[in-house]
Amino acid sequence: MPPYSSAQKQQIAQFVNFTQTKDTVAAKFLRASRWNVQEAIDTYFQSPKGAGGSTSALNKIFDSYQDSPANNPDGIGIEGAMKYFGDLQVQLDEVTCLGIAELLQSPSMGEFTREGFLNGWRSAGCDSLDKMITHAKDIRGRIPTQPDLFRRIYRYTFPLCRMQGQRNLTFEIAAEQWKLFFTPDNGGIQWNTSTTPWLDWWIEFLEGRGKRPVNKDLWEQVEVFMRKTHEDEYFGWWSEDGAWPGALDDFVSWVQEKRGGMDVE
């Protein structure tokens, strides 16, 4: 190896550790990226050399979890998916599970396609189980603190959890997912506060309306509404002329009445 500074040697070691390539390959991509490690890694995985090696490794991992390769050569079913999540050290009842499903563009819960699996993990620069485990831990830590990531996963959950042939979520499924996303125990965000049990009241309110199916607009706006209540629990931001779904307008009135007729500021 040509003489490199101690910092450059460390960068080469980082590149090699992440991509499982040789020092010479690492040095080539690092020099081309002006010794920016992340840029060099991204460039490697986007290159034919990186894509070929990465795809080969990913295909082997995908194949190892297939339930019925003869009948479904490009899919992983429920049994394989459950084993895979277990190996990723991801629980089925945590938001991280949905984060992985969003990353891999799962067509439905407990199902992966080869295309989504390869594209998702290549975009994350992961072509080994160890890297996938590390990335899953990273997602787990970022979901509660990064609103854009949280929203992307939350919104993807709507089509992911719909029953086949249905346009809306059943109330039971929606309520289950709200309890997952809006409590911190399983990697979500706390919606209930010391003064207002928002999540509990929201579920109670919808139960009182007959447990109607939840459409896409309502599903998406509940997350926006949740963040607004974090800013001001007493609806200083709310207006009857706003574009909120009718159910949320009615919920605001319901909360005010439950609080004892408190006026909107």
Protein backbone atom coordinates (compact mmCIF):
# COMPACT_ATOMS: atom_id res chain seq x y z
CA MET A 1 0.00 0.00 0.00
CA PRO A 2 1.34 3.47 -0.87
CA PRO A 3 2.14 5.74 2.04
CA TYR A 4 -1.06 7.14 3.52
CA SER A 5 -1.57 9.36 6.52
CA SER A 6 -2.95 7.82 9.70
CA ALA A 7 -6.31 9.50 9.02
CA GLN A 8 -6.41 8.08 5.50
CA LYS A 9 -5.53 4.61 6.76
CA GLN A 10 -8.41 4.86 9.21
CA GLN A 11 -10.76 5.90 6.38
CA ILE A 12 -9.59 2.97 4.27
CA ALA A 13 -10.26 0.64 7.20
CA GLN A 14 -13.77 2.11 7.59
CA PHE A 15 -14.50 1.61 3.89
CA VAL A 16 -13.19 -1.96 3.91
CA ASN A 17 -15.13 -2.84 7.04
CA PHE A 18 -18.38 -1.54 5.55
CA THR A 19 -18.03 -2.84 1.98
CA GLN A 20 -15.89 -5.96 2.56
CA THR A 21 -13.62 -4.94 -0.33
CA LYS A 22 -9.84 -4.81 -0.66
CA ASP A 23 -7.65 -1.92 0.48
CA THR A 24 -6.80 -1.04 -3.11
CA VAL A 25 -10.48 -0.73 -4.04
CA ALA A 26 -11.11 1.35 -0.94
CA ALA A 27 -8.26 3.71 -1.74
CA LYS A 28 -9.46 4.14 -5.32
CA PHE A 29 -12.98 5.17 -4.33
CA LEU A 30 -11.77 7.33 -1.44
CA ARG A 31 -9.35 9.25 -3.65
CA ALA A 32 -12.12 9.83 -6.20
CA SER A 33 -14.36 11.12 -3.41
CA ARG A 34 -11.66 13.37 -1.91
CA TRP A 35 -11.46 11.05 1.10
CA ASN A 36 -15.09 11.53 2.06
CA VAL A 37 -15.92 8.09 3.45
CA GLN A 38 -19.71 8.28 3.15
CA GLU A 39 -19.54 9.65 -0.39
CA ALA A 40 -17.02 6.95 -1.36
CA ILE A 41 -19.24 4.18 0.06
CA ASP A 42 -22.31 5.55 -1.73
CA THR A 43 -20.39 5.75 -4.99
CA TYR A 44 -19.12 2.20 -4.55
CA PHE A 45 -22.58 0.73 -4.07
CA GLN A 46 -23.89 2.68 -7.06
CA SER A 47 -21.07 1.41 -9.27
CA PRO A 48 -21.23 -1.83 -11.31
CA LYS A 49 -18.54 -3.31 -9.08
CA GLY A 50 -20.35 -2.52 -5.87
CA ALA A 51 -23.75 -3.40 -7.25
CA GLY A 52 -22.61 -6.78 -8.50
CA GLY A 53 -21.05 -7.85 -5.24
CA SER A 54 -23.83 -6.37 -3.18
CA THR A 55 -26.57 -7.93 -5.28
CA SER A 56 -24.96 -11.36 -5.14
CA ALA A 57 -24.70 -11.24 -1.35
CA LEU A 58 -28.22 -9.89 -0.95
CA ASN A 59 -29.68 -12.57 -3.19
CA LYS A 60 -28.09 -15.24 -1.01
CA ILE A 61 -29.57 -13.70 2.12
CA PHE A 62 -32.98 -13.36 0.47
CA ASP A 63 -32.93 -16.97 -0.73
CA SER A 64 -32.12 -18.25 2.75
CA TYR A 65 -35.44 -16.93 4.11
CA GLN A 66 -37.76 -18.10 1.36
CA ASP A 67 -40.72 -20.21 2.43
CA SER A 68 -41.44 -21.78 -0.95
CA PRO A 69 -38.79 -20.94 -3.55
CA ALA A 70 -40.30 -23.31 -6.11
CA ASN A 71 -43.72 -21.66 -5.99
CA ASN A 72 -42.59 -18.12 -5.23
CA PRO A 73 -38.96 -17.64 -6.32
CA ASP A 74 -39.04 -13.88 -5.78
CA GLY A 75 -40.92 -13.68 -2.52
CA ILE A 76 -40.56 -14.27 1.21
CA GLY A 77 -43.73 -15.24 3.06
CA ILE A 78 -44.85 -14.92 6.66
CA GLU A 79 -42.73 -17.71 8.16
CA GLY A 80 -39.57 -16.51 6.47
CA ALA A 81 -40.31 -12.88 7.34
CA MET A 82 -40.81 -13.72 11.02
CA LYS A 83 -37.50 -15.58 11.11
CA TYR A 84 -35.81 -12.70 9.30
CA PHE A 85 -37.10 -10.09 11.77
CA GLY A 86 -35.91 -12.33 14.58
CA ASP A 87 -32.43 -12.49 13.07
CA LEU A 88 -32.48 -8.70 12.65
CA GLN A 89 -33.24 -8.47 16.38
CA VAL A 90 -36.45 -6.59 15.56
CA GLN A 91 -39.66 -7.35 17.45
CA LEU A 92 -42.90 -7.68 15.48
CA ASP A 93 -44.66 -5.29 17.86
CA GLU A 94 -42.32 -2.32 17.50
CA VAL A 95 -42.28 0.57 15.05
CA THR A 96 -38.87 -0.52 13.77
CA CYS A 97 -40.57 -3.53 12.18
CA LEU A 98 -42.67 -1.13 10.12
CA GLY A 99 -39.55 0.91 9.38
CA ILE A 100 -37.91 -2.14 7.82
CA ALA A 101 -41.10 -2.90 5.89
CA GLU A 102 -41.07 0.66 4.51
CA LEU A 103 -37.38 0.47 3.61
CA LEU A 104 -37.92 -2.78 1.72
CA GLN A 105 -41.29 -1.68 0.28
CA SER A 106 -43.15 -4.71 1.59
CA PRO A 107 -46.39 -5.23 -0.36
CA SER A 108 -48.17 -6.38 2.82
CA MET A 109 -47.33 -7.29 6.40
CA GLY A 110 -45.12 -10.36 6.64
CA GLU A 111 -44.14 -10.37 2.98
CA PHE A 112 -41.05 -9.26 1.04
CA THR A 113 -40.31 -9.18 -2.68
CA ARG A 114 -36.84 -9.77 -4.07
CA GLU A 115 -36.87 -6.41 -5.86
CA GLY A 116 -37.84 -4.46 -2.76
CA PHE A 117 -35.37 -6.37 -0.60
CA LEU A 118 -32.43 -5.75 -2.93
CA ASN A 119 -33.26 -2.12 -3.69
CA GLY A 120 -33.89 -1.26 -0.06
CA TRP A 121 -30.75 -2.76 1.38
CA ARG A 122 -28.57 -1.53 -1.47
CA SER A 123 -29.84 2.00 -0.87
CA ALA A 124 -28.83 1.59 2.78
CA GLY A 125 -25.44 0.16 1.83
CA CYS A 126 -26.10 -3.13 3.62
CA ASP A 127 -25.18 -6.44 2.04
CA SER A 128 -24.65 -8.61 5.13
CA LEU A 129 -26.85 -9.56 8.07
CA ASP A 130 -24.53 -7.79 10.51
CA LYS A 131 -24.90 -4.53 8.57
CA MET A 132 -28.66 -4.98 8.44
CA ILE A 133 -28.79 -5.48 12.22
CA THR A 134 -26.77 -2.29 12.70
CA HIS A 135 -29.04 -0.38 10.33
CA ALA A 136 -32.16 -1.64 12.13
CA LYS A 137 -30.73 -0.36 15.42
CA ASP A 138 -30.04 2.98 13.72
CA ILE A 139 -33.63 3.20 12.46
CA ARG A 140 -34.91 2.36 15.94
CA GLY A 141 -33.01 5.29 17.40
CA ARG A 142 -34.03 7.77 14.71
CA ILE A 143 -37.77 7.08 14.45
CA PRO A 144 -38.84 8.97 17.61
CA THR A 145 -36.49 11.92 16.95
CA GLN A 146 -36.78 12.49 13.20
CA PRO A 147 -40.29 13.68 12.23
CA ASP A 148 -39.76 13.15 8.49
CA LEU A 149 -38.72 9.52 8.98
CA PHE A 150 -41.55 8.93 11.45
CA ARG A 151 -44.10 10.40 9.01
CA ARG A 152 -42.80 8.37 6.08
CA ILE A 153 -43.10 5.11 8.01
CA TYR A 154 -46.45 6.11 9.53
CA ARG A 155 -47.95 6.89 6.13
CA TYR A 156 -46.58 3.72 4.54
CA THR A 157 -48.33 1.72 7.23
CA PHE A 158 -51.73 2.61 5.77
CA PRO A 159 -51.40 0.60 2.52
CA LEU A 160 -49.27 -1.98 4.30
CA CYS A 161 -52.00 -2.86 6.81
CA ARG A 162 -55.10 -2.66 4.64
CA MET A 163 -57.03 -5.86 4.17
CA GLN A 164 -56.76 -7.18 0.62
CA GLY A 165 -59.28 -5.51 -1.67
CA GLN A 166 -60.15 -2.77 0.87
CA ARG A 167 -59.58 0.97 0.43
CA ASN A 168 -59.67 1.80 4.14
CA LEU A 169 -58.25 0.44 7.38
CA THR A 170 -60.60 -1.34 9.73
CA PHE A 171 -61.01 0.52 13.01
CA GLU A 172 -59.42 -2.36 14.92
CA ILE A 173 -56.26 -2.33 12.82
CA ALA A 174 -56.03 1.47 12.87
CA ALA A 175 -56.42 1.56 16.65
CA GLU A 176 -53.75 -1.09 17.07
CA GLN A 177 -51.32 0.88 14.92
CA TRP A 178 -52.09 4.19 16.66
CA LYS A 179 -51.30 2.56 19.99
CA LEU A 180 -48.00 1.40 18.49
CA PHE A 181 -47.00 4.73 16.92
CA PHE A 182 -48.23 7.01 19.71
CA THR A 183 -46.70 5.34 22.75
CA PRO A 184 -42.96 5.20 23.50
CA ASP A 185 -42.87 1.62 24.82
CA ASN A 186 -42.36 0.11 21.35
CA GLY A 187 -40.43 2.88 19.67
CA GLY A 188 -43.17 5.42 19.00
CA ILE A 189 -43.92 8.94 20.24
CA GLN A 190 -45.80 9.75 23.45
CA TRP A 191 -49.13 11.42 22.63
CA ASN A 192 -50.77 11.23 26.06
CA THR A 193 -49.64 14.04 28.34
CA SER A 194 -49.92 14.69 32.06
CA THR A 195 -52.96 16.90 31.41
CA THR A 196 -54.63 15.21 28.43
CA PRO A 197 -54.79 11.48 27.60
CA TRP A 198 -54.95 12.24 23.87
CA LEU A 199 -54.55 8.72 22.53
CA ASP A 200 -56.98 7.22 25.02
CA TRP A 201 -59.55 9.92 24.27
CA TRP A 202 -59.11 9.54 20.50
CA ILE A 203 -59.78 5.80 20.66
CA GLU A 204 -62.71 6.35 23.04
CA PHE A 205 -64.15 9.01 20.71
CA LEU A 206 -63.97 6.76 17.65
CA GLU A 207 -65.47 3.84 19.54
CA GLY A 208 -68.38 6.09 20.42
CA ARG A 209 -68.86 6.87 16.72
CA GLY A 210 -69.33 3.20 15.90
CA LYS A 211 -65.76 2.13 15.07
CA ARG A 212 -66.01 3.29 11.47
CA PRO A 213 -63.30 2.36 8.92
CA VAL A 214 -60.43 4.86 8.68
CA ASN A 215 -59.66 6.39 5.30
CA LYS A 216 -56.26 7.54 4.09
CA ASP A 217 -56.85 11.25 4.70
CA LEU A 218 -57.91 10.74 8.30
CA TRP A 219 -55.02 8.35 8.94
CA GLU A 220 -52.45 10.84 7.65
CA GLN A 221 -53.98 13.88 9.37
CA VAL A 222 -54.08 12.22 12.79
CA GLU A 223 -50.27 12.29 12.87
CA VAL A 224 -50.28 15.99 11.90
CA PHE A 225 -52.94 16.65 14.56
CA MET A 226 -50.87 14.83 17.16
CA ARG A 227 -47.90 17.13 16.55
CA LYS A 228 -50.13 20.22 16.71
CA THR A 229 -51.41 19.15 20.12
CA HIS A 230 -47.80 18.90 21.26
CA GLU A 231 -47.41 22.58 20.34
CA ASP A 232 -50.61 23.71 22.06
CA GLU A 233 -52.95 21.40 23.96
CA TYR A 234 -55.74 23.96 24.01
CA PHE A 235 -56.30 24.31 20.25
CA GLY A 236 -55.02 27.85 19.73
CA TRP A 237 -54.05 26.65 16.23
CA TRP A 238 -57.45 25.14 15.38
CA SER A 239 -60.10 26.80 13.23
CA GLU A 240 -63.53 25.62 12.13
CA ASP A 241 -62.59 26.80 8.64
CA GLY A 242 -59.49 24.59 8.54
CA ALA A 243 -59.05 21.65 6.20
CA TRP A 244 -59.13 18.97 8.91
CA PRO A 245 -61.18 15.81 8.32
CA GLY A 246 -64.65 15.98 9.86
CA ALA A 247 -63.78 13.36 12.46
CA LEU A 248 -61.01 15.56 13.85
CA ASP A 249 -63.27 18.64 13.87
CA ASP A 250 -65.77 16.63 15.88
CA PHE A 251 -63.02 15.34 18.15
CA VAL A 252 -61.97 18.89 19.02
CA SER A 253 -65.55 19.69 20.09
CA TRP A 254 -65.71 16.40 21.99
CA VAL A 255 -62.48 17.19 23.88
CA GLN A 256 -63.70 20.70 24.73
CA GLU A 257 -66.93 19.28 26.10
CA LYS A 258 -65.04 16.61 28.05
CA ARG A 259 -62.87 19.31 29.57
CA GLY A 260 -65.95 21.17 30.69
CA GLY A 261 -66.76 23.45 27.79
CA MET A 262 -63.35 25.16 27.61
CA ASP A 263 -63.36 27.78 24.86
CA VAL A 264 -60.88 27.77 22.01
CA GLU A 265 -58.43 30.60 22.46
